[in-house]
Amino acid sequence: MSSHRPDPGFAYRTEQFQQIVEDTLALARRLGASDAGAEVSEGVGLSVSVRKGELENVERNRDKSLGVSVYLGQRRGNASTSDFTPAALRQTVQAAYDIARFTAEDPAAGLPEAEDLATAQEAALDLDLFHPWAIDAAEAAEWARRCEGAAMAVDRRITNSEGAGVSAQQAHFRAGNTRGFRGGYASSRHSLSVSAIAGRGKAMQRDGWYSSMRDAAELAAPEAVGRYAAERALARLRSRPVATAEVPVLFESSIASGLLGAFVQAISGGALYRKTSFLVDSLGQQVLAPHLDIEEDPHLPKGKGSAPFDDEGVRTRARRVVQGGVVQGYFLSSYSARKLGLRTTGHAGGSQNLRLTSRLTRPQDDLDAMLRRLGRGLFVTELMGQGVNYVTGDYSRGAAGFWVEGGRIAHPVHEVTIAGNLKTMLAGIVAVGADAYTQGSKTVGSVLVERMTLAGS
């Protein structure tokens, strides 16, 4: 959406937000700030949930915020408010200024360099991120009922539901700083989800599914989401543990993005300059298997990670993060870049539309083909816990899924743990499926890791 068009559904217009930014920066200058930045935002949304056909929850949210950063040389102070009156703006800027006065100098503190900031033309790039959904609570409840009803109707073994929900969210913001940056845009994100329960007593199994898009017209049909959630729950019935072993592990595409996320965290500025990453000094090093590439496209239309500039106003660029398994670039903000003696990569706020691909993947490498490639091992469809040590790379997660024999699913599996080391796992990715799935801002097919420890019964 263009920054000059009106923002339907919001209490504030773009022009009002722009004036608040200008007023805030002027107040900081008058107090004696050497630099300042401000961002003003508003979010509006509706969330509705049902369970067993009955309306369970209706929430409406309307939030607004102004955040201010004031710099006195290399001392920085931050303050925020949800009150946009002139008196509140003065108090907030004064608070940020006072914090800066009593904060120790930090050689890495400061706004981005002017040459790294997005120009007015770059900041106004329309990435088609704003698609408001004109749905009311009654309509949202009906969507949720259709979704849950479809799940319950799949099979008599679907005995219960943890409920279904619909969310419609939209937001807009404007930001600016004293080095000339001005920018902002509106965005939306809508979702539909359901969780079904199969079986009874100790044999019960749960699974769910969801659809999330910027444009509600692109959401999966409620009935399709419900049926798939039920099918996933049914497939887990009669699950059992397996013996401890060293086996290959296939990560389902919907959770394989977690491996990509772990890699991103390990080569992000904060972990690198604090030396709390197992991939310190990995730039230019072979870290992933040689057939793997990771590409980033922050300008993908409707992308969940799309942005014309990062949280500091630095322009974003498409790039290859990994080429042939070799790390080509980190994820750096201005601060972390200065701490490392490098230049910002435009990643204050995180990664932007990443895609992991293998040069060995063929169009016919669907999930069935990946199971055949797995041969004998574990197909993981759910991970539990947060057992990742980013300092050492040690990885240990509770898992559920399916035991595979002869390239075919033999039976569902529960109460197991998979363990390894992320450095070994990333280097040991032997295949990536063509069944690409986008989870948030990361897209990847099913991922086959050559060997992990499976701790079972």
Protein backbone atom coordinates (compact mmCIF):
# COMPACT_ATOMS: atom_id res chain seq x y z
CA MET A 1 0.00 0.00 0.00
CA SER A 2 1.31 3.46 -0.87
CA SER A 3 2.15 5.64 2.12
CA HIS A 4 0.09 8.45 0.55
CA ARG A 5 -3.21 6.56 0.37
CA PRO A 6 -5.70 6.65 3.27
CA ASP A 7 -5.57 3.86 5.82
CA PRO A 8 -9.11 2.41 6.19
CA GLY A 9 -10.03 1.08 9.61
CA PHE A 10 -7.47 3.17 11.49
CA ALA A 11 -8.10 6.04 13.89
CA TYR A 12 -5.06 7.98 12.62
CA ARG A 13 -4.13 9.07 9.13
CA THR A 14 -0.66 8.79 7.65
CA GLU A 15 -0.35 12.59 7.68
CA GLN A 16 -1.10 12.71 11.41
CA PHE A 17 1.55 10.11 12.13
CA GLN A 18 4.06 12.00 10.01
CA GLN A 19 3.37 15.18 11.99
CA ILE A 20 3.88 13.35 15.28
CA VAL A 21 7.26 12.11 14.05
CA GLU A 22 8.29 15.62 12.96
CA ASP A 23 7.15 17.16 16.24
CA THR A 24 8.99 14.52 18.26
CA LEU A 25 12.27 14.99 16.40
CA ALA A 26 11.98 18.78 16.74
CA LEU A 27 11.46 18.47 20.51
CA ALA A 28 14.58 16.30 20.77
CA ARG A 29 16.62 18.81 18.80
CA ARG A 30 15.45 21.67 21.01
CA LEU A 31 16.57 19.78 24.10
CA GLY A 32 20.06 19.47 22.64
CA ALA A 33 20.03 15.92 21.23
CA SER A 34 22.81 15.26 18.74
CA ASP A 35 20.53 12.74 16.99
CA ALA A 36 17.08 11.26 17.47
CA GLY A 37 14.70 8.72 15.99
CA ALA A 38 10.96 8.20 16.41
CA GLU A 39 8.36 5.66 15.36
CA VAL A 40 4.60 5.94 15.81
CA SER A 41 2.27 3.00 15.17
CA GLU A 42 -1.29 1.77 15.47
CA GLY A 43 -2.70 -1.77 15.37
CA VAL A 44 -6.30 -2.91 15.02
CA GLY A 45 -7.62 -6.46 15.17
CA LEU A 46 -10.32 -9.01 15.86
CA SER A 47 -9.80 -12.52 17.28
CA VAL A 48 -12.64 -15.02 17.66
CA SER A 49 -12.55 -18.61 18.92
CA VAL A 50 -15.16 -21.37 19.16
CA ARG A 51 -15.07 -24.79 20.79
CA LYS A 52 -17.53 -27.62 20.11
CA GLY A 53 -19.60 -25.21 18.06
CA GLU A 54 -20.03 -22.69 20.87
CA LEU A 55 -18.58 -19.19 20.84
CA GLU A 56 -15.76 -19.12 23.37
CA ASN A 57 -13.94 -15.83 22.99
CA VAL A 58 -14.19 -12.52 21.13
CA GLU A 59 -11.35 -10.03 21.44
CA ARG A 60 -10.93 -6.68 19.78
CA ASN A 61 -7.67 -4.81 20.03
CA ARG A 62 -6.72 -1.26 19.16
CA ASP A 63 -3.21 -0.36 20.22
CA LYS A 64 -1.04 2.67 19.58
CA SER A 65 2.48 3.59 20.55
CA LEU A 66 5.20 6.18 20.08
CA GLY A 67 8.80 5.16 20.66
CA VAL A 68 11.61 7.73 20.88
CA SER A 69 15.40 7.29 20.89
CA VAL A 70 17.54 10.27 21.88
CA TYR A 71 21.31 10.40 21.42
CA LEU A 72 23.75 12.63 23.22
CA GLY A 73 26.88 11.75 21.33
CA GLN A 74 27.29 8.04 22.03
CA ARG A 75 24.88 7.95 24.92
CA ARG A 76 21.36 6.76 24.15
CA GLY A 77 18.03 6.98 25.93
CA ASN A 78 14.70 5.38 24.96
CA ALA A 79 11.15 6.11 26.07
CA SER A 80 7.65 5.32 24.83
CA THR A 81 4.05 6.40 25.31
CA SER A 82 0.56 5.58 24.10
CA ASP A 83 -0.57 9.18 24.63
CA PHE A 84 -0.13 11.37 21.55
CA THR A 85 -1.06 14.71 23.13
CA PRO A 86 1.54 17.52 22.86
CA ALA A 87 2.19 17.39 26.61
CA ALA A 88 2.80 13.62 26.49
CA LEU A 89 5.17 14.01 23.53
CA ARG A 90 7.20 16.57 25.50
CA GLN A 91 7.31 14.33 28.57
CA THR A 92 8.36 11.28 26.55
CA VAL A 93 11.15 13.08 24.71
CA GLN A 94 12.31 14.59 28.00
CA ALA A 95 12.36 11.13 29.60
CA ALA A 96 14.48 9.71 26.74
CA TYR A 97 16.80 12.72 26.98
CA ASP A 98 17.22 12.31 30.74
CA ILE A 99 17.99 8.61 30.36
CA ALA A 100 20.65 9.43 27.75
CA ARG A 101 22.22 12.00 30.10
CA PHE A 102 22.86 9.37 32.75
CA THR A 103 23.77 6.49 30.47
CA ALA A 104 27.38 5.47 29.91
CA GLU A 105 28.89 6.13 26.49
CA ASP A 106 28.80 3.22 24.07
CA PRO A 107 31.15 3.45 21.06
CA ALA A 108 28.70 1.39 18.96
CA ALA A 109 25.63 3.52 19.76
CA GLY A 110 24.15 5.82 17.17
CA LEU A 111 21.80 6.05 14.23
CA PRO A 112 22.72 4.24 11.00
CA GLU A 113 25.07 6.04 8.64
CA ALA A 114 23.15 8.32 6.27
CA GLU A 115 24.33 6.43 3.19
CA ASP A 116 22.78 3.19 4.52
CA LEU A 117 19.33 4.70 5.06
CA ALA A 118 16.55 4.10 2.54
CA THR A 119 15.90 7.05 0.24
CA ALA A 120 12.39 8.47 -0.04
CA GLN A 121 11.88 6.47 -3.25
CA GLU A 122 13.19 3.24 -1.69
CA ALA A 123 11.12 3.72 1.46
CA ALA A 124 7.93 4.19 -0.61
CA LEU A 125 8.30 0.83 -2.39
CA ASP A 126 4.84 -0.79 -2.48
CA LEU A 127 5.15 -4.47 -1.51
CA ASP A 128 1.38 -5.15 -1.44
CA LEU A 129 1.36 -5.87 2.30
CA PHE A 130 -1.97 -4.31 3.26
CA HIS A 131 -5.21 -6.22 2.73
CA PRO A 132 -7.74 -5.30 5.44
CA TRP A 133 -10.35 -7.97 6.10
CA ALA A 134 -13.85 -6.56 6.60
CA ILE A 135 -15.08 -9.40 8.79
CA ASP A 136 -17.21 -9.00 11.92
CA ALA A 137 -17.36 -11.24 14.99
CA ALA A 138 -20.37 -13.22 13.76
CA GLU A 139 -18.75 -13.96 10.40
CA ALA A 140 -15.47 -14.90 12.06
CA ALA A 141 -17.29 -17.27 14.42
CA GLU A 142 -19.00 -18.89 11.44
CA TRP A 143 -15.63 -19.42 9.72
CA ALA A 144 -14.32 -21.04 12.90
CA ARG A 145 -17.42 -23.26 13.23
CA ARG A 146 -17.06 -24.42 9.62
CA CYS A 147 -13.42 -25.27 10.27
CA GLU A 148 -14.08 -27.17 13.50
CA GLY A 149 -17.19 -28.85 12.09
CA ALA A 150 -15.22 -30.17 9.12
CA ALA A 151 -12.62 -31.63 11.50
CA MET A 152 -15.25 -33.36 13.67
CA ALA A 153 -17.01 -34.82 10.60
CA VAL A 154 -13.96 -36.59 9.16
CA ASP A 155 -14.17 -39.73 11.30
CA ARG A 156 -16.03 -40.94 14.39
CA ARG A 157 -12.62 -41.39 16.04
CA ILE A 158 -12.33 -37.57 16.19
CA THR A 159 -13.77 -37.33 19.69
CA ASN A 160 -13.09 -33.80 20.76
CA SER A 161 -11.72 -30.42 19.77
CA GLU A 162 -9.44 -27.88 21.39
CA GLY A 163 -11.26 -25.25 19.37
CA ALA A 164 -10.89 -23.22 16.21
CA GLY A 165 -9.97 -19.58 15.85
CA VAL A 166 -9.97 -16.73 13.35
CA SER A 167 -7.77 -13.63 13.61
CA ALA A 168 -7.84 -10.48 11.45
CA GLN A 169 -5.06 -7.99 12.19
CA GLN A 170 -3.83 -4.81 10.55
CA ALA A 171 -1.34 -2.12 11.49
CA HIS A 172 0.44 0.95 10.15
CA PHE A 173 3.36 3.09 11.25
CA ARG A 174 5.60 6.02 10.35
CA ALA A 175 9.21 6.41 11.37
CA GLY A 176 11.90 9.02 10.95
CA ASN A 177 15.23 10.22 12.27
CA THR A 178 17.42 13.30 12.27
CA ARG A 179 19.64 11.91 9.51
CA GLY A 180 16.89 12.35 6.94
CA PHE A 181 15.05 9.03 6.91
CA ARG A 182 11.26 9.06 6.63
CA GLY A 183 9.12 6.03 5.91
CA GLY A 184 6.22 3.83 6.88
CA TYR A 185 3.53 1.57 5.53
CA ALA A 186 0.44 -0.42 6.43
CA SER A 187 0.33 -4.20 6.69
CA SER A 188 -2.10 -6.99 7.53
CA ARG A 189 -2.01 -10.59 8.67
CA HIS A 190 -4.96 -12.94 8.97
CA SER A 191 -5.21 -16.52 10.16
CA LEU A 192 -7.49 -19.51 10.68
CA SER A 193 -6.62 -22.49 12.91
CA VAL A 194 -8.06 -25.59 14.55
CA SER A 195 -6.87 -28.38 16.84
CA ALA A 196 -8.54 -31.81 16.76
CA ILE A 197 -8.39 -34.73 19.24
CA ALA A 198 -8.60 -38.34 18.10
CA GLY A 199 -9.21 -41.40 20.26
CA ARG A 200 -10.08 -41.71 23.94
CA GLY A 201 -8.36 -42.02 27.30
CA LYS A 202 -4.63 -42.74 27.27
CA ALA A 203 -4.79 -43.42 23.52
CA MET A 204 -5.84 -39.83 22.70
CA GLN A 205 -3.77 -37.93 20.16
CA ARG A 206 -3.92 -34.26 19.22
CA ASP A 207 -2.88 -32.36 16.12
CA GLY A 208 -3.88 -29.21 14.35
CA TRP A 209 -3.45 -27.07 11.29
CA TYR A 210 -3.73 -23.45 10.28
CA SER A 211 -3.60 -21.03 7.37
CA SER A 212 -2.03 -17.55 7.63
CA MET A 213 -1.89 -14.91 4.90
CA ARG A 214 -1.67 -11.15 4.46
CA ASP A 215 -4.72 -11.34 2.16
CA ALA A 216 -7.75 -13.18 3.58
CA ALA A 217 -8.77 -14.12 0.03
CA GLU A 218 -5.71 -16.40 -0.05
CA LEU A 219 -6.50 -18.29 3.17
CA ALA A 220 -7.21 -21.98 2.77
CA ALA A 221 -10.91 -22.89 2.95
CA PRO A 222 -12.08 -23.50 6.55
CA GLU A 223 -13.24 -27.00 5.59
CA ALA A 224 -9.84 -27.88 4.11
CA VAL A 225 -8.00 -26.71 7.24
CA GLY A 226 -10.39 -28.69 9.47
CA ARG A 227 -10.15 -31.89 7.45
CA TYR A 228 -6.35 -31.79 7.36
CA ALA A 229 -6.11 -31.17 11.10
CA ALA A 230 -8.33 -34.21 11.72
CA GLU A 231 -6.34 -36.38 9.32
CA ARG A 232 -3.12 -35.44 11.11
CA ALA A 233 -4.62 -36.34 14.49
CA LEU A 234 -5.97 -39.66 13.20
CA ALA A 235 -2.60 -40.59 11.70
CA ARG A 236 -1.07 -40.40 15.20
CA LEU A 237 -3.39 -43.00 16.76
CA ARG A 238 -1.70 -46.17 18.05
CA SER A 239 1.61 -44.38 18.29
CA ARG A 240 4.34 -46.02 20.29
CA PRO A 241 7.94 -45.42 21.33
CA VAL A 242 10.87 -46.94 19.48
CA ALA A 243 14.25 -48.24 20.56
CA THR A 244 17.24 -45.93 21.02
CA ALA A 245 19.31 -45.78 17.83
CA GLU A 246 21.43 -43.69 15.49
CA VAL A 247 19.23 -43.04 12.45
CA PRO A 248 18.59 -40.56 9.64
CA VAL A 249 15.86 -38.03 10.47
CA LEU A 250 13.46 -36.38 8.03
CA PHE A 251 11.94 -33.09 9.24
CA GLU A 252 8.49 -32.33 7.82
CA SER A 253 8.51 -29.13 5.75
CA SER A 254 6.23 -27.33 8.23
CA ILE A 255 8.83 -27.68 11.02
CA ALA A 256 12.04 -27.76 8.96
CA SER A 257 12.05 -23.96 9.03
CA GLY A 258 13.17 -24.33 12.66
CA LEU A 259 16.56 -25.54 11.44
CA LEU A 260 16.80 -22.49 9.20
CA GLY A 261 15.79 -20.29 12.12
CA ALA A 262 18.50 -21.80 14.32
CA PHE A 263 21.08 -21.06 11.63
CA VAL A 264 19.87 -17.45 11.35
CA GLN A 265 20.10 -16.94 15.11
CA ALA A 266 23.64 -18.34 15.13
CA ILE A 267 24.86 -15.86 12.48
CA SER A 268 22.97 -12.85 13.83
CA GLY A 269 24.89 -9.89 15.20
CA GLY A 270 23.95 -10.12 18.87
CA ALA A 271 25.10 -13.72 19.22
CA LEU A 272 28.24 -13.06 17.17
CA TYR A 273 29.60 -10.03 19.01
CA ARG A 274 28.77 -11.59 22.38
CA LYS A 275 30.47 -14.80 21.16
CA THR A 276 27.47 -16.83 22.25
CA SER A 277 27.18 -18.64 18.92
CA PHE A 278 28.62 -21.89 17.65
CA LEU A 279 29.14 -20.12 14.30
CA VAL A 280 31.40 -17.26 15.44
CA ASP A 281 33.77 -16.17 12.61
CA SER A 282 31.87 -18.29 10.08
CA LEU A 283 31.83 -15.66 7.30
CA GLY A 284 33.33 -17.26 4.19
CA GLN A 285 33.36 -20.67 5.87
CA GLN A 286 31.73 -23.93 4.75
CA VAL A 287 28.94 -24.42 7.29
CA LEU A 288 26.13 -26.13 5.41
CA ALA A 289 26.38 -29.06 3.00
CA PRO A 290 27.91 -27.95 -0.37
CA HIS A 291 24.65 -28.48 -2.30
CA LEU A 292 22.71 -25.96 -0.19
CA ASP A 293 21.91 -22.30 -0.86
CA ILE A 294 19.96 -19.77 1.22
CA GLU A 295 18.46 -16.78 -0.58
CA GLU A 296 16.75 -13.75 0.91
CA ASP A 297 14.23 -11.53 -0.88
CA PRO A 298 12.87 -8.70 1.30
CA HIS A 299 10.86 -7.29 -1.62
CA LEU A 300 8.63 -10.31 -2.26
CA PRO A 301 5.04 -9.05 -2.82
CA LYS A 302 2.77 -10.04 0.10
CA GLY A 303 5.71 -11.77 1.81
CA LYS A 304 5.41 -12.17 5.57
CA GLY A 305 8.99 -10.98 5.97
CA SER A 306 8.85 -8.28 3.29
CA ALA A 307 9.95 -4.74 4.08
CA PRO A 308 11.45 -1.88 2.02
CA PHE A 309 13.63 -0.97 5.03
CA ASP A 310 14.53 -2.48 8.38
CA ASP A 311 13.56 -1.30 11.88
CA GLU A 312 16.25 1.42 11.73
CA GLY A 313 15.30 2.72 8.28
CA VAL A 314 18.21 0.98 6.54
CA ARG A 315 17.39 -0.11 2.97
CA THR A 316 16.84 -3.84 2.44
CA ARG A 317 18.35 -5.82 -0.43
CA ALA A 318 17.93 -9.25 -1.97
CA ARG A 319 21.02 -11.39 -1.43
CA ARG A 320 22.39 -14.91 -1.20
CA VAL A 321 23.12 -15.61 2.45
CA VAL A 322 24.67 -19.01 1.76
CA GLN A 323 26.11 -20.19 -1.54
CA GLY A 324 27.22 -23.77 -1.95
CA GLY A 325 27.12 -24.17 1.83
CA VAL A 326 29.47 -21.20 2.37
CA VAL A 327 28.29 -18.28 4.52
CA GLN A 328 28.21 -15.10 2.42
CA GLY A 329 26.77 -12.69 4.97
CA TYR A 330 25.56 -12.22 8.53
CA PHE A 331 22.34 -10.62 9.86
CA LEU A 332 23.44 -7.30 11.32
CA SER A 333 21.88 -4.13 12.67
CA SER A 334 23.89 -0.90 12.82
CA TYR A 335 24.79 -1.57 16.45
CA SER A 336 25.91 -5.18 16.04
CA ALA A 337 27.78 -4.29 12.84
CA ARG A 338 29.79 -1.63 14.67
CA LYS A 339 30.55 -4.08 17.49
CA LEU A 340 31.97 -6.46 14.88
CA GLY A 341 33.76 -3.81 12.83
CA LEU A 342 31.43 -4.51 9.88
CA ARG A 343 28.65 -2.69 8.03
CA THR A 344 24.93 -3.09 8.70
CA THR A 345 23.16 -5.60 6.47
CA GLY A 346 19.72 -4.02 7.04
CA HIS A 347 18.53 -6.61 9.54
CA ALA A 348 17.47 -4.65 12.60
CA GLY A 349 14.31 -6.63 13.27
CA GLY A 350 15.41 -9.95 11.80
CA SER A 351 15.60 -11.89 8.55
CA GLN A 352 13.40 -11.21 5.53
CA ASN A 353 11.84 -13.99 3.39
CA LEU A 354 14.48 -16.71 3.46
CA ARG A 355 14.43 -19.77 1.21
CA LEU A 356 16.63 -22.84 1.73
CA THR A 357 17.16 -24.87 -1.45
CA SER A 358 19.29 -27.77 -2.59
CA ARG A 359 20.97 -27.98 -5.99
CA LEU A 360 20.16 -31.69 -5.94
CA THR A 361 16.38 -31.28 -5.58
CA ARG A 362 14.28 -32.46 -8.51
CA PRO A 363 10.66 -31.40 -9.20
CA GLN A 364 9.51 -34.96 -8.44
CA ASP A 365 11.07 -34.96 -4.96
CA ASP A 366 7.79 -34.79 -3.07
CA LEU A 367 7.24 -36.15 0.44
CA ASP A 368 6.86 -39.75 -0.79
CA ALA A 369 10.18 -39.47 -2.59
CA MET A 370 11.81 -38.04 0.54
CA LEU A 371 10.45 -40.93 2.63
CA ARG A 372 11.97 -43.36 0.14
CA ARG A 373 15.24 -41.47 0.42
CA LEU A 374 15.00 -41.74 4.22
CA GLY A 375 14.67 -45.51 3.93
CA ARG A 376 14.77 -46.52 7.57
CA GLY A 377 14.54 -43.84 10.23
CA LEU A 378 12.34 -41.20 11.84
CA PHE A 379 9.98 -38.80 10.06
CA VAL A 380 9.42 -35.93 12.52
CA THR A 381 6.15 -33.95 12.37
CA GLU A 382 6.22 -32.27 15.79
CA LEU A 383 8.96 -30.88 18.02
CA MET A 384 8.63 -30.04 21.71
CA GLY A 385 10.77 -28.08 24.13
CA GLN A 386 13.54 -25.55 23.52
CA GLY A 387 16.60 -27.75 23.86
CA VAL A 388 19.06 -25.81 21.70
CA ASN A 389 22.35 -24.50 23.10
CA TYR A 390 23.51 -21.80 20.70
CA VAL A 391 26.92 -21.52 22.35
CA THR A 392 27.87 -25.14 21.68
CA GLY A 393 25.32 -26.05 19.00
CA ASP A 394 24.03 -28.96 21.06
CA TYR A 395 20.50 -29.87 20.01
CA SER A 396 17.99 -32.01 21.94
CA ARG A 397 14.23 -31.85 21.36
CA GLY A 398 11.24 -33.95 22.24
CA ALA A 399 9.71 -35.29 19.03
CA ALA A 400 6.72 -37.10 17.57
CA GLY A 401 6.17 -38.44 14.09
CA PHE A 402 6.43 -41.73 12.23
CA TRP A 403 8.84 -44.64 12.04
CA VAL A 404 9.76 -45.40 8.45
CA GLU A 405 10.85 -48.81 7.14
CA GLY A 406 11.75 -49.51 3.51
CA GLY A 407 10.82 -45.95 2.56
CA ARG A 408 7.24 -46.32 3.82
CA ILE A 409 5.55 -45.18 7.04
CA ALA A 410 5.36 -48.16 9.41
CA HIS A 411 3.68 -46.64 12.50
CA PRO A 412 3.35 -43.40 14.47
CA VAL A 413 5.94 -42.62 17.15
CA HIS A 414 5.73 -40.69 20.42
CA GLU A 415 7.79 -40.08 23.57
CA VAL A 416 11.15 -39.87 21.82
CA THR A 417 13.99 -37.36 21.86
CA ILE A 418 16.20 -36.49 18.91
CA ALA A 419 19.68 -35.17 19.64
CA GLY A 420 22.73 -34.00 17.78
CA ASN A 421 24.84 -30.90 17.21
CA LEU A 422 23.59 -28.16 14.91
CA LYS A 423 26.98 -27.76 13.26
CA THR A 424 26.98 -31.46 12.33
CA MET A 425 23.30 -31.40 11.42
CA LEU A 426 23.64 -28.44 9.03
CA ALA A 427 26.64 -30.03 7.36
CA GLY A 428 24.78 -33.34 7.30
CA ILE A 429 21.68 -32.23 5.38
CA VAL A 430 21.64 -34.72 2.51
CA ALA A 431 18.41 -33.67 0.78
CA VAL A 432 15.72 -30.98 0.68
CA GLY A 433 12.32 -31.86 -0.73
CA ALA A 434 10.39 -30.07 -3.44
CA ASP A 435 7.45 -29.88 -1.00
CA ALA A 436 8.31 -26.29 -0.05
CA TYR A 437 6.27 -24.79 2.78
CA THR A 438 6.36 -21.21 4.05
CA GLN A 439 6.38 -20.90 7.84
CA GLY A 440 6.37 -17.21 8.74
CA SER A 441 9.12 -15.62 6.67
CA LYS A 442 11.02 -18.87 5.97
CA THR A 443 10.41 -21.27 3.09
CA VAL A 444 11.87 -24.77 2.95
CA GLY A 445 10.89 -28.27 1.87
CA SER A 446 11.22 -31.37 4.05
CA VAL A 447 14.83 -31.72 5.23
CA LEU A 448 16.71 -35.01 5.55
CA VAL A 449 19.56 -35.03 8.08
CA GLU A 450 22.02 -37.88 7.59
CA ARG A 451 22.23 -39.07 11.20
CA MET A 452 20.95 -38.15 14.66
CA THR A 453 20.61 -39.89 17.99
CA LEU A 454 17.09 -41.12 18.64
CA ALA A 455 16.49 -41.70 22.36
CA GLY A 456 13.51 -43.96 22.78
CA SER A 457 12.53 -46.79 25.09
